N, C-alpha and C. Protein backbone atom coordinates (compact mmCIF):
# COMPACT_ATOMS: atom_id res chain seq x y z
N MET A 1 -4.41 14.23 1.20
CA MET A 1 -3.26 13.71 1.88
C MET A 1 -2.93 12.32 1.34
N ILE A 2 -1.65 12.05 1.23
CA ILE A 2 -1.17 10.73 0.87
C ILE A 2 -0.84 10.00 2.17
N LEU A 3 -1.38 8.81 2.34
CA LEU A 3 -1.09 8.00 3.52
C LEU A 3 -0.18 6.85 3.12
N VAL A 4 0.97 6.78 3.76
CA VAL A 4 1.89 5.66 3.58
C VAL A 4 1.73 4.78 4.81
N THR A 5 1.49 3.50 4.59
CA THR A 5 1.37 2.58 5.72
C THR A 5 2.14 1.30 5.43
N VAL A 6 2.94 0.90 6.41
CA VAL A 6 3.79 -0.28 6.23
C VAL A 6 3.38 -1.43 7.14
N GLY A 7 2.29 -1.27 7.86
CA GLY A 7 1.89 -2.30 8.80
C GLY A 7 2.64 -2.16 10.11
N THR A 8 2.38 -3.06 11.02
CA THR A 8 2.98 -2.95 12.35
C THR A 8 3.94 -4.08 12.68
N GLN A 9 4.03 -5.09 11.83
CA GLN A 9 4.83 -6.26 12.17
C GLN A 9 6.29 -6.16 11.74
N LEU A 10 6.54 -5.62 10.56
CA LEU A 10 7.89 -5.59 10.01
C LEU A 10 8.25 -4.18 9.53
N PRO A 11 9.51 -3.80 9.64
CA PRO A 11 9.92 -2.51 9.08
C PRO A 11 9.90 -2.57 7.55
N PHE A 12 9.75 -1.41 6.93
CA PHE A 12 9.82 -1.32 5.47
C PHE A 12 10.46 0.02 5.10
N ASP A 13 11.71 0.17 5.56
CA ASP A 13 12.43 1.42 5.36
C ASP A 13 12.60 1.78 3.88
N ARG A 14 12.73 0.79 3.00
CA ARG A 14 12.89 1.09 1.57
C ARG A 14 11.71 1.90 1.06
N LEU A 15 10.50 1.53 1.43
CA LEU A 15 9.32 2.27 0.99
C LEU A 15 9.25 3.66 1.62
N VAL A 16 9.48 3.73 2.92
CA VAL A 16 9.41 5.02 3.63
C VAL A 16 10.45 5.98 3.07
N LYS A 17 11.65 5.51 2.87
CA LYS A 17 12.73 6.36 2.35
C LYS A 17 12.43 6.83 0.93
N ALA A 18 11.88 5.94 0.10
CA ALA A 18 11.55 6.31 -1.28
C ALA A 18 10.54 7.46 -1.30
N VAL A 19 9.46 7.33 -0.53
CA VAL A 19 8.44 8.39 -0.53
C VAL A 19 9.02 9.66 0.07
N ASP A 20 9.81 9.53 1.12
CA ASP A 20 10.40 10.71 1.76
C ASP A 20 11.32 11.46 0.80
N THR A 21 12.03 10.73 -0.05
CA THR A 21 12.96 11.32 -1.00
C THR A 21 12.28 12.30 -1.94
N PHE A 22 11.07 11.96 -2.39
CA PHE A 22 10.38 12.87 -3.32
C PHE A 22 9.13 13.50 -2.75
N ALA A 23 8.92 13.41 -1.43
CA ALA A 23 7.73 14.04 -0.82
C ALA A 23 7.70 15.54 -1.05
N LYS A 24 8.85 16.18 -1.06
CA LYS A 24 8.89 17.64 -1.25
C LYS A 24 8.45 18.05 -2.66
N ASP A 25 8.44 17.11 -3.61
CA ASP A 25 8.02 17.39 -4.97
C ASP A 25 6.52 17.14 -5.20
N LEU A 26 5.85 16.61 -4.18
CA LEU A 26 4.44 16.26 -4.33
C LEU A 26 3.56 17.46 -3.96
N THR A 27 2.38 17.53 -4.56
CA THR A 27 1.48 18.64 -4.31
C THR A 27 0.59 18.40 -3.09
N ARG A 28 0.54 17.17 -2.61
CA ARG A 28 -0.27 16.83 -1.45
C ARG A 28 0.63 16.50 -0.27
N PRO A 29 0.18 16.81 0.94
CA PRO A 29 0.98 16.43 2.11
C PRO A 29 1.00 14.91 2.27
N VAL A 30 2.02 14.43 2.96
CA VAL A 30 2.19 12.99 3.17
C VAL A 30 2.26 12.71 4.67
N LEU A 31 1.54 11.68 5.08
CA LEU A 31 1.65 11.15 6.44
C LEU A 31 2.08 9.70 6.31
N ALA A 32 3.17 9.34 6.98
CA ALA A 32 3.67 7.98 6.92
C ALA A 32 3.57 7.30 8.27
N GLN A 33 3.00 6.12 8.28
CA GLN A 33 3.00 5.24 9.44
C GLN A 33 4.17 4.30 9.20
N ILE A 34 5.27 4.48 9.97
CA ILE A 34 6.53 3.79 9.66
C ILE A 34 6.75 2.52 10.47
N GLY A 35 5.88 2.21 11.40
CA GLY A 35 6.00 0.97 12.15
C GLY A 35 7.34 0.81 12.84
N LYS A 36 7.96 -0.35 12.66
CA LYS A 36 9.21 -0.69 13.33
C LYS A 36 10.45 -0.24 12.55
N GLY A 37 10.26 0.60 11.56
CA GLY A 37 11.39 1.06 10.76
C GLY A 37 12.37 1.91 11.56
N THR A 38 13.59 1.99 11.04
CA THR A 38 14.63 2.79 11.69
C THR A 38 14.93 4.09 10.94
N TYR A 39 14.44 4.19 9.70
CA TYR A 39 14.66 5.41 8.92
C TYR A 39 13.73 6.51 9.45
N THR A 40 14.29 7.69 9.67
CA THR A 40 13.50 8.83 10.15
C THR A 40 13.23 9.78 8.98
N PRO A 41 11.98 9.90 8.54
CA PRO A 41 11.66 10.80 7.43
C PRO A 41 12.00 12.25 7.73
N GLN A 42 12.43 12.96 6.70
CA GLN A 42 12.81 14.37 6.81
C GLN A 42 11.83 15.30 6.08
N ASN A 43 11.09 14.77 5.10
CA ASN A 43 10.28 15.61 4.21
C ASN A 43 8.78 15.36 4.32
N MET A 44 8.37 14.57 5.30
CA MET A 44 6.95 14.29 5.46
C MET A 44 6.67 14.03 6.93
N LYS A 45 5.41 14.21 7.31
CA LYS A 45 5.01 13.89 8.67
C LYS A 45 5.01 12.38 8.83
N TRP A 46 5.31 11.92 10.03
CA TRP A 46 5.33 10.49 10.26
C TRP A 46 4.95 10.16 11.69
N ILE A 47 4.55 8.93 11.87
CA ILE A 47 4.18 8.40 13.17
C ILE A 47 4.57 6.92 13.15
N LYS A 48 5.00 6.41 14.29
CA LYS A 48 5.36 4.98 14.35
C LYS A 48 4.13 4.12 14.04
N ASN A 49 3.07 4.34 14.80
CA ASN A 49 1.85 3.56 14.61
C ASN A 49 0.64 4.46 14.79
N ILE A 50 -0.37 4.19 14.01
CA ILE A 50 -1.63 4.91 14.13
C ILE A 50 -2.54 4.06 15.02
N GLU A 51 -3.07 4.67 16.04
CA GLU A 51 -3.95 3.94 16.96
C GLU A 51 -5.14 3.38 16.18
N PRO A 52 -5.55 2.16 16.50
CA PRO A 52 -6.70 1.57 15.79
C PRO A 52 -7.93 2.47 15.77
N ALA A 53 -8.18 3.18 16.85
CA ALA A 53 -9.34 4.08 16.91
C ALA A 53 -9.24 5.22 15.90
N ASP A 54 -8.01 5.61 15.53
CA ASP A 54 -7.80 6.71 14.60
C ASP A 54 -7.61 6.26 13.16
N PHE A 55 -7.34 4.97 12.97
CA PHE A 55 -6.95 4.49 11.66
C PHE A 55 -8.01 4.74 10.59
N ASP A 56 -9.27 4.43 10.90
CA ASP A 56 -10.33 4.64 9.90
C ASP A 56 -10.45 6.11 9.52
N ARG A 57 -10.34 7.01 10.49
CA ARG A 57 -10.43 8.45 10.19
C ARG A 57 -9.28 8.88 9.28
N VAL A 58 -8.08 8.46 9.59
CA VAL A 58 -6.92 8.82 8.78
C VAL A 58 -7.06 8.23 7.38
N PHE A 59 -7.50 6.99 7.30
CA PHE A 59 -7.70 6.34 6.01
C PHE A 59 -8.76 7.08 5.20
N ARG A 60 -9.84 7.47 5.84
CA ARG A 60 -10.93 8.17 5.17
C ARG A 60 -10.47 9.52 4.63
N ASP A 61 -9.58 10.22 5.37
CA ASP A 61 -9.10 11.53 4.97
C ASP A 61 -8.08 11.49 3.83
N ALA A 62 -7.47 10.35 3.63
CA ALA A 62 -6.44 10.22 2.59
C ALA A 62 -7.05 10.25 1.19
N THR A 63 -6.29 10.77 0.24
CA THR A 63 -6.72 10.73 -1.15
C THR A 63 -6.14 9.53 -1.88
N VAL A 64 -5.00 9.05 -1.41
CA VAL A 64 -4.37 7.86 -1.99
C VAL A 64 -3.59 7.17 -0.87
N ILE A 65 -3.52 5.84 -0.97
CA ILE A 65 -2.80 5.03 0.00
C ILE A 65 -1.58 4.44 -0.69
N VAL A 66 -0.46 4.45 0.01
CA VAL A 66 0.76 3.77 -0.45
C VAL A 66 1.07 2.73 0.60
N SER A 67 1.27 1.48 0.18
CA SER A 67 1.38 0.42 1.17
C SER A 67 2.22 -0.74 0.69
N HIS A 68 2.69 -1.52 1.68
CA HIS A 68 3.21 -2.84 1.37
C HIS A 68 2.03 -3.64 0.83
N ALA A 69 2.26 -4.80 0.29
CA ALA A 69 1.18 -5.57 -0.34
C ALA A 69 0.47 -6.44 0.69
N GLY A 70 -0.02 -5.82 1.74
CA GLY A 70 -0.77 -6.53 2.77
C GLY A 70 -2.24 -6.59 2.41
N ILE A 71 -2.80 -7.77 2.48
CA ILE A 71 -4.19 -7.98 2.09
C ILE A 71 -5.14 -7.11 2.91
N GLY A 72 -4.89 -6.96 4.20
CA GLY A 72 -5.76 -6.15 5.04
C GLY A 72 -5.85 -4.72 4.56
N THR A 73 -4.71 -4.16 4.17
CA THR A 73 -4.70 -2.78 3.68
C THR A 73 -5.41 -2.68 2.34
N VAL A 74 -5.22 -3.67 1.48
CA VAL A 74 -5.90 -3.68 0.18
C VAL A 74 -7.42 -3.70 0.39
N LEU A 75 -7.88 -4.54 1.29
CA LEU A 75 -9.32 -4.62 1.55
C LEU A 75 -9.86 -3.34 2.18
N THR A 76 -9.07 -2.71 3.03
CA THR A 76 -9.50 -1.44 3.65
C THR A 76 -9.59 -0.34 2.58
N ALA A 77 -8.63 -0.31 1.67
CA ALA A 77 -8.68 0.67 0.58
C ALA A 77 -9.94 0.46 -0.27
N LYS A 78 -10.27 -0.77 -0.53
CA LYS A 78 -11.48 -1.07 -1.30
C LYS A 78 -12.72 -0.61 -0.52
N ARG A 79 -12.74 -0.90 0.79
CA ARG A 79 -13.89 -0.53 1.61
C ARG A 79 -14.12 0.98 1.62
N PHE A 80 -13.02 1.77 1.65
CA PHE A 80 -13.14 3.22 1.68
C PHE A 80 -13.11 3.85 0.29
N GLY A 81 -12.98 3.04 -0.75
CA GLY A 81 -12.97 3.57 -2.11
C GLY A 81 -11.74 4.42 -2.41
N LYS A 82 -10.59 4.01 -1.88
CA LYS A 82 -9.35 4.77 -2.07
C LYS A 82 -8.42 4.06 -3.04
N PRO A 83 -7.82 4.80 -3.96
CA PRO A 83 -6.79 4.17 -4.79
C PRO A 83 -5.61 3.77 -3.91
N ILE A 84 -4.98 2.65 -4.26
CA ILE A 84 -3.86 2.17 -3.48
C ILE A 84 -2.70 1.81 -4.39
N ILE A 85 -1.52 2.26 -3.98
CA ILE A 85 -0.29 1.92 -4.68
C ILE A 85 0.42 0.89 -3.82
N LEU A 86 0.64 -0.29 -4.37
CA LEU A 86 1.29 -1.36 -3.63
C LEU A 86 2.76 -1.47 -4.02
N VAL A 87 3.60 -1.56 -3.01
CA VAL A 87 5.02 -1.79 -3.20
C VAL A 87 5.33 -3.08 -2.43
N PRO A 88 5.53 -4.19 -3.15
CA PRO A 88 5.73 -5.45 -2.45
C PRO A 88 7.09 -5.54 -1.74
N ARG A 89 7.06 -6.10 -0.54
CA ARG A 89 8.30 -6.40 0.17
C ARG A 89 8.99 -7.53 -0.59
N LYS A 90 10.32 -7.54 -0.51
CA LYS A 90 11.10 -8.56 -1.22
C LYS A 90 11.99 -9.31 -0.23
N ALA A 91 11.87 -10.64 -0.28
CA ALA A 91 12.67 -11.49 0.62
C ALA A 91 14.16 -11.30 0.37
N ALA A 92 14.57 -11.13 -0.87
CA ALA A 92 15.99 -10.97 -1.20
C ALA A 92 16.60 -9.73 -0.54
N LEU A 93 15.77 -8.75 -0.20
CA LEU A 93 16.24 -7.54 0.46
C LEU A 93 16.06 -7.61 1.98
N GLY A 94 15.65 -8.78 2.47
CA GLY A 94 15.46 -8.97 3.90
C GLY A 94 14.21 -8.31 4.44
N GLU A 95 13.25 -8.01 3.57
CA GLU A 95 12.04 -7.31 3.98
C GLU A 95 10.92 -8.25 4.44
N HIS A 96 11.07 -9.52 4.13
CA HIS A 96 10.08 -10.52 4.54
C HIS A 96 10.74 -11.89 4.46
N ARG A 97 10.06 -12.90 5.01
CA ARG A 97 10.65 -14.24 5.04
C ARG A 97 10.50 -14.97 3.70
N ASN A 98 9.56 -14.52 2.87
CA ASN A 98 9.38 -15.11 1.53
C ASN A 98 8.80 -14.04 0.61
N ASP A 99 8.55 -14.42 -0.63
CA ASP A 99 8.06 -13.45 -1.61
C ASP A 99 6.55 -13.54 -1.86
N HIS A 100 5.79 -13.83 -0.81
CA HIS A 100 4.34 -13.91 -1.00
C HIS A 100 3.74 -12.58 -1.44
N GLN A 101 4.37 -11.45 -1.09
CA GLN A 101 3.81 -10.17 -1.52
C GLN A 101 3.96 -9.98 -3.04
N LEU A 102 5.00 -10.56 -3.62
CA LEU A 102 5.12 -10.53 -5.09
C LEU A 102 4.00 -11.36 -5.71
N ALA A 103 3.69 -12.50 -5.10
CA ALA A 103 2.58 -13.32 -5.58
C ALA A 103 1.25 -12.57 -5.43
N THR A 104 1.10 -11.87 -4.32
CA THR A 104 -0.13 -11.10 -4.10
C THR A 104 -0.33 -10.04 -5.18
N VAL A 105 0.71 -9.25 -5.45
CA VAL A 105 0.53 -8.19 -6.46
C VAL A 105 0.32 -8.77 -7.85
N SER A 106 0.86 -9.96 -8.11
CA SER A 106 0.64 -10.57 -9.43
C SER A 106 -0.84 -10.88 -9.64
N GLN A 107 -1.57 -11.12 -8.54
CA GLN A 107 -3.01 -11.39 -8.63
C GLN A 107 -3.84 -10.10 -8.65
N LEU A 108 -3.27 -9.01 -8.17
CA LEU A 108 -4.03 -7.76 -8.04
C LEU A 108 -3.74 -6.74 -9.13
N VAL A 109 -2.61 -6.86 -9.80
CA VAL A 109 -2.23 -5.86 -10.81
C VAL A 109 -3.32 -5.73 -11.87
N GLY A 110 -3.63 -4.49 -12.21
CA GLY A 110 -4.62 -4.23 -13.25
C GLY A 110 -6.05 -4.13 -12.75
N ARG A 111 -6.28 -4.42 -11.49
CA ARG A 111 -7.64 -4.29 -10.95
C ARG A 111 -7.93 -2.80 -10.72
N PRO A 112 -9.18 -2.41 -10.85
CA PRO A 112 -9.53 -0.99 -10.69
C PRO A 112 -9.08 -0.43 -9.34
N GLY A 113 -8.37 0.68 -9.38
CA GLY A 113 -7.94 1.36 -8.17
C GLY A 113 -6.71 0.79 -7.51
N ILE A 114 -6.13 -0.27 -8.08
CA ILE A 114 -4.92 -0.88 -7.52
C ILE A 114 -3.77 -0.67 -8.50
N TYR A 115 -2.69 -0.09 -7.98
CA TYR A 115 -1.52 0.22 -8.79
C TYR A 115 -0.31 -0.44 -8.14
N VAL A 116 0.52 -1.09 -8.93
CA VAL A 116 1.68 -1.79 -8.40
C VAL A 116 2.94 -1.07 -8.87
N ALA A 117 3.76 -0.67 -7.92
CA ALA A 117 5.04 -0.01 -8.23
C ALA A 117 6.16 -0.98 -7.89
N GLN A 118 6.90 -1.36 -8.91
CA GLN A 118 8.01 -2.30 -8.71
C GLN A 118 9.32 -1.58 -8.41
N ASN A 119 9.34 -0.25 -8.61
CA ASN A 119 10.56 0.50 -8.33
C ASN A 119 10.19 1.94 -7.96
N ASP A 120 11.20 2.70 -7.53
CA ASP A 120 10.97 4.08 -7.06
C ASP A 120 10.41 4.98 -8.16
N ASP A 121 10.88 4.81 -9.39
CA ASP A 121 10.39 5.66 -10.49
C ASP A 121 8.89 5.44 -10.72
N GLU A 122 8.46 4.18 -10.71
CA GLU A 122 7.03 3.89 -10.89
C GLU A 122 6.22 4.47 -9.73
N LEU A 123 6.75 4.35 -8.52
CA LEU A 123 6.06 4.89 -7.35
C LEU A 123 5.89 6.39 -7.47
N LYS A 124 6.96 7.09 -7.82
CA LYS A 124 6.88 8.55 -7.96
C LYS A 124 5.90 8.93 -9.07
N ASP A 125 5.95 8.23 -10.21
CA ASP A 125 5.02 8.52 -11.31
C ASP A 125 3.57 8.38 -10.85
N TYR A 126 3.26 7.32 -10.12
CA TYR A 126 1.89 7.15 -9.63
C TYR A 126 1.50 8.28 -8.68
N LEU A 127 2.41 8.66 -7.80
CA LEU A 127 2.09 9.71 -6.83
C LEU A 127 1.89 11.07 -7.47
N LEU A 128 2.42 11.28 -8.64
CA LEU A 128 2.25 12.55 -9.35
C LEU A 128 0.98 12.58 -10.19
N GLN A 129 0.28 11.45 -10.26
CA GLN A 129 -0.95 11.35 -11.05
C GLN A 129 -2.18 11.48 -10.15
N ASP A 130 -3.31 11.76 -10.78
CA ASP A 130 -4.60 11.65 -10.10
C ASP A 130 -5.11 10.25 -10.42
N LEU A 131 -5.01 9.37 -9.46
CA LEU A 131 -5.35 7.97 -9.69
C LEU A 131 -6.84 7.73 -9.52
N ASP A 132 -7.34 6.77 -10.28
CA ASP A 132 -8.75 6.37 -10.17
C ASP A 132 -8.95 5.55 -8.92
N SER A 133 -10.08 5.77 -8.28
CA SER A 133 -10.45 4.97 -7.12
C SER A 133 -10.96 3.62 -7.59
N PRO A 134 -10.95 2.65 -6.69
CA PRO A 134 -11.50 1.35 -7.09
C PRO A 134 -12.97 1.48 -7.41
N SER A 135 -13.39 0.70 -8.36
CA SER A 135 -14.79 0.70 -8.75
C SER A 135 -15.63 0.11 -7.62
N HIS A 136 -16.77 0.68 -7.39
CA HIS A 136 -17.68 0.11 -6.40
C HIS A 136 -18.49 -1.02 -7.02
N GLN A 137 -18.33 -1.19 -8.35
CA GLN A 137 -18.97 -2.31 -9.01
C GLN A 137 -18.00 -3.48 -8.98
N ASP A 138 -18.53 -4.67 -8.89
CA ASP A 138 -17.67 -5.85 -8.86
C ASP A 138 -16.98 -6.03 -10.20
N VAL A 139 -15.79 -6.63 -10.14
CA VAL A 139 -15.08 -6.98 -11.37
C VAL A 139 -15.79 -8.18 -11.98
N SER A 140 -15.30 -8.62 -13.11
CA SER A 140 -15.93 -9.75 -13.79
C SER A 140 -15.99 -10.97 -12.87
N ASP A 141 -16.94 -11.87 -13.14
CA ASP A 141 -17.08 -13.07 -12.31
C ASP A 141 -15.78 -13.87 -12.27
N ALA A 142 -15.12 -14.03 -13.41
CA ALA A 142 -13.88 -14.81 -13.44
C ALA A 142 -12.80 -14.13 -12.60
N GLY A 143 -12.68 -12.83 -12.72
CA GLY A 143 -11.68 -12.10 -11.94
C GLY A 143 -11.97 -12.15 -10.46
N ARG A 144 -13.25 -12.01 -10.11
CA ARG A 144 -13.64 -12.06 -8.71
C ARG A 144 -13.38 -13.45 -8.14
N THR A 145 -13.74 -14.49 -8.88
CA THR A 145 -13.51 -15.86 -8.43
C THR A 145 -12.03 -16.13 -8.25
N SER A 146 -11.23 -15.67 -9.19
CA SER A 146 -9.78 -15.85 -9.10
C SER A 146 -9.22 -15.17 -7.86
N LEU A 147 -9.65 -13.97 -7.59
CA LEU A 147 -9.15 -13.24 -6.43
C LEU A 147 -9.61 -13.90 -5.13
N VAL A 148 -10.87 -14.28 -5.05
CA VAL A 148 -11.39 -14.92 -3.84
C VAL A 148 -10.64 -16.23 -3.58
N ASN A 149 -10.41 -17.03 -4.61
CA ASN A 149 -9.68 -18.29 -4.43
C ASN A 149 -8.25 -18.03 -3.98
N TYR A 150 -7.62 -17.02 -4.54
CA TYR A 150 -6.26 -16.68 -4.13
C TYR A 150 -6.24 -16.26 -2.67
N LEU A 151 -7.16 -15.40 -2.26
CA LEU A 151 -7.20 -14.93 -0.88
C LEU A 151 -7.49 -16.07 0.09
N LYS A 152 -8.37 -17.00 -0.30
CA LYS A 152 -8.64 -18.15 0.56
C LYS A 152 -7.37 -18.97 0.77
N GLY A 153 -6.64 -19.20 -0.30
CA GLY A 153 -5.38 -19.96 -0.20
C GLY A 153 -4.36 -19.22 0.63
N TYR A 154 -4.28 -17.91 0.45
CA TYR A 154 -3.34 -17.08 1.20
C TYR A 154 -3.65 -17.13 2.69
N LEU A 155 -4.91 -16.97 3.02
CA LEU A 155 -5.30 -16.97 4.43
C LEU A 155 -5.16 -18.35 5.05
N ALA A 156 -5.41 -19.40 4.29
CA ALA A 156 -5.26 -20.75 4.82
C ALA A 156 -3.79 -21.09 5.08
N ALA A 157 -2.90 -20.56 4.23
CA ALA A 157 -1.46 -20.82 4.40
C ALA A 157 -0.88 -20.05 5.56
N GLY A 158 -1.56 -18.94 5.92
CA GLY A 158 -1.29 -18.03 7.00
C GLY A 158 0.00 -18.11 7.65
């Protein structure tokens, strides 16, 4: 199963609509957690919010995660060893108050098990592939230090 999650704070109809548009072409079923979005999917199962008690089970059952570039979701994907496709929200499209998600993906792109889709075509291409899961081995010391420092700064700016 492909799990699409947009978080619970802000709508992300662009992502939900994109996956819904080509869900019928995918070989795996899709479940979307659409949060506060107003778009109603037609080609995939969806739920407004997944109860916290059920979230780990749903995450564990998924074969790939599609998400906004939220750090919590990235860390959860790493914890469960799931490949994750990140689609950053864009302030210019009214999806967030600033472009911190673009900054986040710039630090994560190329890391094992993390895939960044900047447009619908890239997203569909990733979903049609068998993606590698994140490595359970740590990345290089320099890469790990860079990521940890970035996350500390991100969380401190909160």
